Amino acid sequence: MIIEANREHINEVYHLLCVLEDHELDYELFKEKYINGLSHKNIYYYVYVIDNHIVSFVSFYIHHYLHHNSYTGEIVELVVDPEYRGQNIGHQLIDYIECLARQLKLEEIELATSTYRKRAHHFYEVHGYIMNHYNYIKKL
């Protein structure tokens, strides 16, 4: 079942994001950003719950880019607990976000994923996402 994330979910969401990033995140900084995001009108957090246990998380941000004709949605984080992968949970979350994006009349959904995440690339391509941008970063 997909539900809106709330403050009570903070520890389980934190755990899932540590899994996604494959290292322990700064909990206090995470907590501050998560709580701020919960009250932001252009940020959506959802969790997938099985037997009162959160097994997946997705964050979706609405951007107001000047060079677009409408608003754009961005899937910023999407993670499924490794023990629950292969059960179409990610597929259900993608469908849910796409439905939300249509309701909000967004122009498109974008996302970025690391170059080494080949399974994620395949997952997104199967769901109709195409790679048409380069994403550059510079560590400071």
N, C-alpha and C. Protein backbone atom coordinates (compact mmCIF):
# COMPACT_ATOMS: atom_id res chain seq x y z
N MET A 1 0.84 -1.17 0.00
CA MET A 1 0.00 0.00 0.00
C MET A 1 0.89 1.24 0.00
N ILE A 2 0.57 2.21 -0.84
CA ILE A 2 1.32 3.46 -0.93
C ILE A 2 0.60 4.52 -0.12
N ILE A 3 1.35 5.18 0.77
CA ILE A 3 0.79 6.26 1.58
C ILE A 3 1.78 7.42 1.61
N GLU A 4 1.26 8.60 1.97
CA GLU A 4 2.14 9.75 2.16
C GLU A 4 3.04 9.49 3.35
N ALA A 5 4.30 9.84 3.20
CA ALA A 5 5.23 9.70 4.31
C ALA A 5 4.96 10.81 5.33
N ASN A 6 5.29 10.54 6.58
CA ASN A 6 5.11 11.53 7.63
C ASN A 6 6.28 11.44 8.61
N ARG A 7 6.21 12.24 9.66
CA ARG A 7 7.32 12.29 10.65
C ARG A 7 7.56 10.94 11.31
N GLU A 8 6.52 10.17 11.50
CA GLU A 8 6.67 8.87 12.15
C GLU A 8 7.52 7.91 11.32
N HIS A 9 7.67 8.17 10.05
CA HIS A 9 8.41 7.28 9.16
C HIS A 9 9.89 7.62 9.05
N ILE A 10 10.33 8.63 9.76
CA ILE A 10 11.67 9.18 9.56
C ILE A 10 12.78 8.14 9.68
N ASN A 11 12.72 7.28 10.68
CA ASN A 11 13.82 6.32 10.87
C ASN A 11 13.86 5.27 9.77
N GLU A 12 12.69 4.81 9.34
CA GLU A 12 12.65 3.81 8.28
C GLU A 12 13.07 4.41 6.93
N VAL A 13 12.66 5.65 6.67
CA VAL A 13 13.07 6.32 5.44
C VAL A 13 14.58 6.56 5.47
N TYR A 14 15.09 6.97 6.62
CA TYR A 14 16.54 7.17 6.76
C TYR A 14 17.28 5.87 6.42
N HIS A 15 16.83 4.77 6.96
CA HIS A 15 17.46 3.48 6.69
C HIS A 15 17.44 3.18 5.19
N LEU A 16 16.31 3.39 4.53
CA LEU A 16 16.21 3.10 3.10
C LEU A 16 17.15 3.99 2.29
N LEU A 17 17.29 5.25 2.67
CA LEU A 17 18.19 6.13 1.93
C LEU A 17 19.65 5.77 2.16
N CYS A 18 19.97 5.25 3.33
CA CYS A 18 21.33 4.73 3.56
C CYS A 18 21.58 3.53 2.66
N VAL A 19 20.56 2.70 2.46
CA VAL A 19 20.68 1.56 1.54
C VAL A 19 20.89 2.09 0.12
N LEU A 20 20.10 3.07 -0.28
CA LEU A 20 20.22 3.64 -1.62
C LEU A 20 21.62 4.18 -1.88
N GLU A 21 22.15 4.90 -0.92
CA GLU A 21 23.47 5.53 -1.09
C GLU A 21 24.63 4.63 -0.70
N ASP A 22 24.32 3.48 -0.12
CA ASP A 22 25.32 2.49 0.27
C ASP A 22 26.32 3.03 1.29
N HIS A 23 25.87 3.95 2.13
CA HIS A 23 26.66 4.40 3.27
C HIS A 23 25.74 5.14 4.24
N GLU A 24 26.24 5.33 5.45
CA GLU A 24 25.44 6.00 6.48
C GLU A 24 25.44 7.50 6.24
N LEU A 25 24.25 8.06 6.16
CA LEU A 25 24.09 9.50 5.99
C LEU A 25 24.13 10.19 7.34
N ASP A 26 24.41 11.46 7.34
CA ASP A 26 24.37 12.28 8.56
C ASP A 26 22.91 12.36 9.01
N TYR A 27 22.58 11.70 10.10
CA TYR A 27 21.19 11.59 10.53
C TYR A 27 20.57 12.94 10.86
N GLU A 28 21.29 13.80 11.55
CA GLU A 28 20.73 15.10 11.95
C GLU A 28 20.43 15.97 10.73
N LEU A 29 21.33 15.97 9.77
CA LEU A 29 21.09 16.73 8.54
C LEU A 29 19.93 16.13 7.76
N PHE A 30 19.91 14.79 7.66
CA PHE A 30 18.80 14.11 6.99
C PHE A 30 17.47 14.50 7.66
N LYS A 31 17.44 14.41 8.98
CA LYS A 31 16.22 14.71 9.73
C LYS A 31 15.73 16.13 9.44
N GLU A 32 16.64 17.08 9.44
CA GLU A 32 16.27 18.48 9.17
C GLU A 32 15.67 18.62 7.76
N LYS A 33 16.33 18.02 6.77
CA LYS A 33 15.85 18.13 5.39
C LYS A 33 14.53 17.40 5.21
N TYR A 34 14.39 16.22 5.82
CA TYR A 34 13.17 15.44 5.70
C TYR A 34 11.98 16.20 6.30
N ILE A 35 12.15 16.72 7.50
CA ILE A 35 11.06 17.46 8.15
C ILE A 35 10.69 18.70 7.34
N ASN A 36 11.69 19.42 6.84
CA ASN A 36 11.40 20.58 5.99
C ASN A 36 10.64 20.17 4.74
N GLY A 37 11.05 19.07 4.14
CA GLY A 37 10.38 18.58 2.93
C GLY A 37 8.93 18.22 3.16
N LEU A 38 8.62 17.69 4.34
CA LEU A 38 7.24 17.31 4.64
C LEU A 38 6.28 18.50 4.57
N SER A 39 6.78 19.68 4.86
CA SER A 39 5.90 20.85 4.87
C SER A 39 6.01 21.70 3.59
N HIS A 40 6.84 21.29 2.66
CA HIS A 40 7.03 22.06 1.43
C HIS A 40 5.96 21.68 0.42
N LYS A 41 5.32 22.67 -0.18
CA LYS A 41 4.21 22.40 -1.08
C LYS A 41 4.62 21.76 -2.40
N ASN A 42 5.90 21.82 -2.76
CA ASN A 42 6.35 21.24 -4.02
C ASN A 42 7.18 19.98 -3.86
N ILE A 43 7.13 19.39 -2.67
CA ILE A 43 7.86 18.15 -2.41
C ILE A 43 6.85 17.11 -1.92
N TYR A 44 6.92 15.93 -2.51
CA TYR A 44 6.03 14.83 -2.15
C TYR A 44 6.87 13.64 -1.74
N TYR A 45 6.55 13.07 -0.58
CA TYR A 45 7.22 11.86 -0.09
C TYR A 45 6.17 10.77 0.06
N TYR A 46 6.46 9.59 -0.46
CA TYR A 46 5.56 8.45 -0.33
C TYR A 46 6.36 7.23 0.12
N VAL A 47 5.69 6.38 0.87
CA VAL A 47 6.27 5.11 1.29
C VAL A 47 5.34 3.99 0.87
N TYR A 48 5.93 2.83 0.69
CA TYR A 48 5.17 1.62 0.40
C TYR A 48 5.23 0.75 1.65
N VAL A 49 4.08 0.37 2.14
CA VAL A 49 3.99 -0.35 3.41
C VAL A 49 3.46 -1.76 3.19
N ILE A 50 4.15 -2.73 3.78
CA ILE A 50 3.69 -4.12 3.81
C ILE A 50 3.71 -4.55 5.27
N ASP A 51 2.58 -5.00 5.78
CA ASP A 51 2.48 -5.47 7.17
C ASP A 51 3.06 -4.46 8.16
N ASN A 52 2.68 -3.21 8.04
CA ASN A 52 3.13 -2.12 8.92
C ASN A 52 4.63 -1.88 8.87
N HIS A 53 5.26 -2.33 7.80
CA HIS A 53 6.71 -2.14 7.63
C HIS A 53 6.94 -1.38 6.32
N ILE A 54 7.71 -0.30 6.39
CA ILE A 54 8.02 0.48 5.19
C ILE A 54 9.11 -0.24 4.41
N VAL A 55 8.79 -0.58 3.16
CA VAL A 55 9.74 -1.33 2.33
C VAL A 55 10.23 -0.52 1.14
N SER A 56 9.69 0.68 0.94
CA SER A 56 10.13 1.50 -0.18
C SER A 56 9.81 2.96 0.08
N PHE A 57 10.56 3.83 -0.60
CA PHE A 57 10.38 5.27 -0.46
C PHE A 57 10.61 5.93 -1.80
N VAL A 58 9.84 6.98 -2.09
CA VAL A 58 10.07 7.79 -3.27
C VAL A 58 9.86 9.25 -2.90
N SER A 59 10.73 10.11 -3.41
CA SER A 59 10.55 11.55 -3.25
C SER A 59 10.38 12.16 -4.64
N PHE A 60 9.48 13.13 -4.72
CA PHE A 60 9.10 13.74 -6.00
C PHE A 60 9.03 15.24 -5.79
N TYR A 61 9.81 15.97 -6.56
CA TYR A 61 9.90 17.42 -6.43
C TYR A 61 9.31 18.08 -7.68
N ILE A 62 8.62 19.18 -7.50
CA ILE A 62 8.10 19.97 -8.62
C ILE A 62 9.03 21.16 -8.84
N HIS A 63 9.49 21.31 -10.07
CA HIS A 63 10.40 22.40 -10.43
C HIS A 63 9.72 23.38 -11.37
N HIS A 64 10.09 24.62 -11.26
CA HIS A 64 9.52 25.70 -12.08
C HIS A 64 10.62 26.26 -12.97
N TYR A 65 11.09 25.48 -13.91
CA TYR A 65 12.18 25.91 -14.78
C TYR A 65 11.68 26.98 -15.75
N LEU A 66 12.44 28.01 -15.92
CA LEU A 66 12.07 29.09 -16.82
C LEU A 66 12.06 28.64 -18.29
N HIS A 67 12.89 27.67 -18.62
CA HIS A 67 13.00 27.24 -20.02
C HIS A 67 11.99 26.16 -20.41
N HIS A 68 11.04 25.86 -19.52
CA HIS A 68 9.97 24.90 -19.83
C HIS A 68 8.64 25.64 -19.93
N ASN A 69 7.72 25.07 -20.67
CA ASN A 69 6.40 25.67 -20.84
C ASN A 69 5.43 25.34 -19.72
N SER A 70 5.82 24.41 -18.88
CA SER A 70 4.99 24.01 -17.75
C SER A 70 5.91 23.52 -16.64
N TYR A 71 5.33 23.13 -15.53
CA TYR A 71 6.14 22.62 -14.43
C TYR A 71 6.65 21.21 -14.75
N THR A 72 7.77 20.88 -14.14
CA THR A 72 8.43 19.59 -14.33
C THR A 72 8.52 18.88 -12.99
N GLY A 73 8.28 17.58 -13.00
CA GLY A 73 8.45 16.77 -11.80
C GLY A 73 9.78 16.04 -11.87
N GLU A 74 10.38 15.83 -10.71
CA GLU A 74 11.63 15.08 -10.65
C GLU A 74 11.55 14.02 -9.57
N ILE A 75 11.79 12.79 -9.96
CA ILE A 75 11.96 11.72 -8.98
C ILE A 75 13.38 11.87 -8.48
N VAL A 76 13.52 12.23 -7.21
CA VAL A 76 14.84 12.49 -6.65
C VAL A 76 15.41 11.23 -6.00
N GLU A 77 14.62 10.55 -5.24
CA GLU A 77 15.03 9.27 -4.64
C GLU A 77 13.93 8.25 -4.86
N LEU A 78 14.32 7.06 -5.22
CA LEU A 78 13.40 5.92 -5.28
C LEU A 78 14.21 4.71 -4.85
N VAL A 79 13.78 4.08 -3.78
CA VAL A 79 14.52 2.93 -3.28
C VAL A 79 13.53 1.89 -2.75
N VAL A 80 13.83 0.63 -3.04
CA VAL A 80 13.07 -0.51 -2.52
C VAL A 80 14.03 -1.34 -1.69
N ASP A 81 13.61 -1.71 -0.50
CA ASP A 81 14.42 -2.58 0.36
C ASP A 81 14.83 -3.81 -0.46
N PRO A 82 16.12 -4.16 -0.45
CA PRO A 82 16.60 -5.29 -1.26
C PRO A 82 15.81 -6.58 -1.04
N GLU A 83 15.31 -6.80 0.16
CA GLU A 83 14.54 -8.02 0.43
C GLU A 83 13.19 -8.05 -0.29
N TYR A 84 12.73 -6.90 -0.77
CA TYR A 84 11.41 -6.80 -1.39
C TYR A 84 11.49 -6.48 -2.89
N ARG A 85 12.68 -6.45 -3.43
CA ARG A 85 12.82 -6.18 -4.86
C ARG A 85 12.28 -7.35 -5.66
N GLY A 86 11.83 -7.05 -6.87
CA GLY A 86 11.27 -8.10 -7.73
C GLY A 86 9.80 -8.36 -7.47
N GLN A 87 9.15 -7.53 -6.66
CA GLN A 87 7.73 -7.72 -6.34
C GLN A 87 6.85 -6.60 -6.94
N ASN A 88 7.37 -5.90 -7.93
CA ASN A 88 6.66 -4.82 -8.62
C ASN A 88 6.37 -3.61 -7.75
N ILE A 89 7.07 -3.46 -6.65
CA ILE A 89 6.86 -2.30 -5.77
C ILE A 89 7.34 -1.03 -6.47
N GLY A 90 8.51 -1.08 -7.07
CA GLY A 90 9.03 0.07 -7.80
C GLY A 90 8.09 0.45 -8.94
N HIS A 91 7.57 -0.54 -9.64
CA HIS A 91 6.62 -0.29 -10.73
C HIS A 91 5.38 0.44 -10.20
N GLN A 92 4.88 0.00 -9.07
CA GLN A 92 3.69 0.64 -8.50
C GLN A 92 3.98 2.08 -8.09
N LEU A 93 5.17 2.33 -7.54
CA LEU A 93 5.53 3.69 -7.16
C LEU A 93 5.68 4.59 -8.38
N ILE A 94 6.29 4.08 -9.44
CA ILE A 94 6.42 4.86 -10.68
C ILE A 94 5.03 5.19 -11.22
N ASP A 95 4.14 4.21 -11.28
CA ASP A 95 2.77 4.45 -11.76
C ASP A 95 2.08 5.51 -10.91
N TYR A 96 2.27 5.44 -9.60
CA TYR A 96 1.65 6.38 -8.67
C TYR A 96 2.14 7.80 -8.94
N ILE A 97 3.45 7.94 -9.09
CA ILE A 97 4.04 9.26 -9.34
C ILE A 97 3.59 9.79 -10.70
N GLU A 98 3.54 8.93 -11.71
CA GLU A 98 3.09 9.38 -13.03
C GLU A 98 1.63 9.83 -12.99
N CYS A 99 0.80 9.16 -12.24
CA CYS A 99 -0.60 9.56 -12.08
C CYS A 99 -0.67 10.93 -11.40
N LEU A 100 0.11 11.12 -10.35
CA LEU A 100 0.17 12.41 -9.66
C LEU A 100 0.62 13.50 -10.63
N ALA A 101 1.65 13.22 -11.42
CA ALA A 101 2.17 14.20 -12.37
C ALA A 101 1.10 14.61 -13.39
N ARG A 102 0.32 13.65 -13.84
CA ARG A 102 -0.77 13.98 -14.78
C ARG A 102 -1.83 14.84 -14.10
N GLN A 103 -2.17 14.51 -12.86
CA GLN A 103 -3.15 15.31 -12.11
C GLN A 103 -2.66 16.74 -11.94
N LEU A 104 -1.36 16.91 -11.74
CA LEU A 104 -0.77 18.23 -11.55
C LEU A 104 -0.49 18.93 -12.88
N LYS A 105 -0.79 18.24 -13.98
CA LYS A 105 -0.58 18.77 -15.34
C LYS A 105 0.88 19.17 -15.59
N LEU A 106 1.78 18.30 -15.16
CA LEU A 106 3.20 18.55 -15.36
C LEU A 106 3.57 18.25 -16.81
N GLU A 107 4.62 18.91 -17.27
CA GLU A 107 5.11 18.73 -18.64
C GLU A 107 5.82 17.39 -18.81
N GLU A 108 6.61 17.03 -17.80
CA GLU A 108 7.39 15.80 -17.88
C GLU A 108 7.89 15.42 -16.50
N ILE A 109 8.41 14.21 -16.42
CA ILE A 109 9.09 13.73 -15.22
C ILE A 109 10.53 13.47 -15.61
N GLU A 110 11.44 13.96 -14.80
CA GLU A 110 12.85 13.68 -15.03
C GLU A 110 13.42 12.99 -13.80
N LEU A 111 14.58 12.41 -13.97
CA LEU A 111 15.29 11.79 -12.86
C LEU A 111 16.74 11.64 -13.25
N ALA A 112 17.57 11.46 -12.27
CA ALA A 112 18.98 11.18 -12.50
C ALA A 112 19.33 9.94 -11.69
N THR A 113 20.21 9.14 -12.24
CA THR A 113 20.70 7.98 -11.52
C THR A 113 22.18 7.82 -11.84
N SER A 114 22.91 7.30 -10.92
CA SER A 114 24.36 7.15 -11.09
C SER A 114 24.69 6.23 -12.26
N THR A 115 25.83 6.49 -12.89
CA THR A 115 26.22 5.72 -14.07
C THR A 115 26.43 4.24 -13.76
N TYR A 116 26.81 3.92 -12.54
CA TYR A 116 27.09 2.52 -12.20
C TYR A 116 25.82 1.71 -11.87
N ARG A 117 24.68 2.36 -11.77
CA ARG A 117 23.44 1.65 -11.40
C ARG A 117 22.74 1.09 -12.62
N LYS A 118 23.32 0.07 -13.21
CA LYS A 118 22.82 -0.51 -14.46
C LYS A 118 21.41 -1.08 -14.30
N ARG A 119 21.11 -1.70 -13.17
CA ARG A 119 19.76 -2.24 -12.96
C ARG A 119 18.73 -1.12 -12.92
N ALA A 120 19.10 0.01 -12.32
CA ALA A 120 18.19 1.15 -12.28
C ALA A 120 17.96 1.70 -13.69
N HIS A 121 19.02 1.77 -14.50
CA HIS A 121 18.87 2.24 -15.87
C HIS A 121 17.85 1.39 -16.61
N HIS A 122 18.02 0.09 -16.50
CA HIS A 122 17.10 -0.84 -17.17
C HIS A 122 15.67 -0.65 -16.64
N PHE A 123 15.52 -0.54 -15.35
CA PHE A 123 14.19 -0.35 -14.73
C PHE A 123 13.51 0.87 -15.32
N TYR A 124 14.20 2.00 -15.38
CA TYR A 124 13.59 3.21 -15.89
C TYR A 124 13.30 3.11 -17.39
N GLU A 125 14.18 2.50 -18.15
CA GLU A 125 13.96 2.35 -19.58
C GLU A 125 12.74 1.47 -19.85
N VAL A 126 12.58 0.41 -19.08
CA VAL A 126 11.40 -0.46 -19.22
C VAL A 126 10.12 0.33 -18.97
N HIS A 127 10.21 1.35 -18.13
CA HIS A 127 9.04 2.16 -17.80
C HIS A 127 8.91 3.40 -18.69
N GLY A 128 9.63 3.42 -19.80
CA GLY A 128 9.45 4.45 -20.80
C GLY A 128 10.30 5.69 -20.65
N TYR A 129 11.23 5.69 -19.73
CA TYR A 129 12.11 6.84 -19.54
C TYR A 129 13.28 6.72 -20.52
N ILE A 130 13.68 7.85 -21.07
CA ILE A 130 14.79 7.86 -22.01
C ILE A 130 15.90 8.75 -21.48
N MET A 131 17.12 8.40 -21.85
CA MET A 131 18.25 9.23 -21.44
C MET A 131 18.47 10.28 -22.53
N ASN A 132 18.25 11.54 -22.18
CA ASN A 132 18.45 12.60 -23.17
C ASN A 132 19.20 13.80 -22.60
N HIS A 133 19.80 13.65 -21.44
CA HIS A 133 20.59 14.72 -20.83
C HIS A 133 21.87 14.12 -20.24
N TYR A 134 22.85 14.96 -20.11
CA TYR A 134 24.01 14.62 -19.31
C TYR A 134 23.88 15.38 -18.00
N ASN A 135 24.26 14.75 -16.93
CA ASN A 135 24.19 15.37 -15.62
C ASN A 135 25.61 15.48 -15.11
N TYR A 136 26.11 16.71 -14.95
CA TYR A 136 27.47 16.93 -14.48
C TYR A 136 27.45 17.37 -13.02
N ILE A 137 28.46 16.96 -12.29
CA ILE A 137 28.62 17.43 -10.91
C ILE A 137 30.07 17.88 -10.71
N LYS A 138 30.24 18.71 -9.72
CA LYS A 138 31.57 19.13 -9.32
C LYS A 138 31.60 19.12 -7.80
N LYS A 139 32.44 18.30 -7.23
CA LYS A 139 32.58 18.23 -5.77
C LYS A 139 33.25 19.49 -5.26
N LEU A 140 32.73 20.04 -4.19
CA LEU A 140 33.29 21.26 -3.59
C LEU A 140 33.86 20.97 -2.21
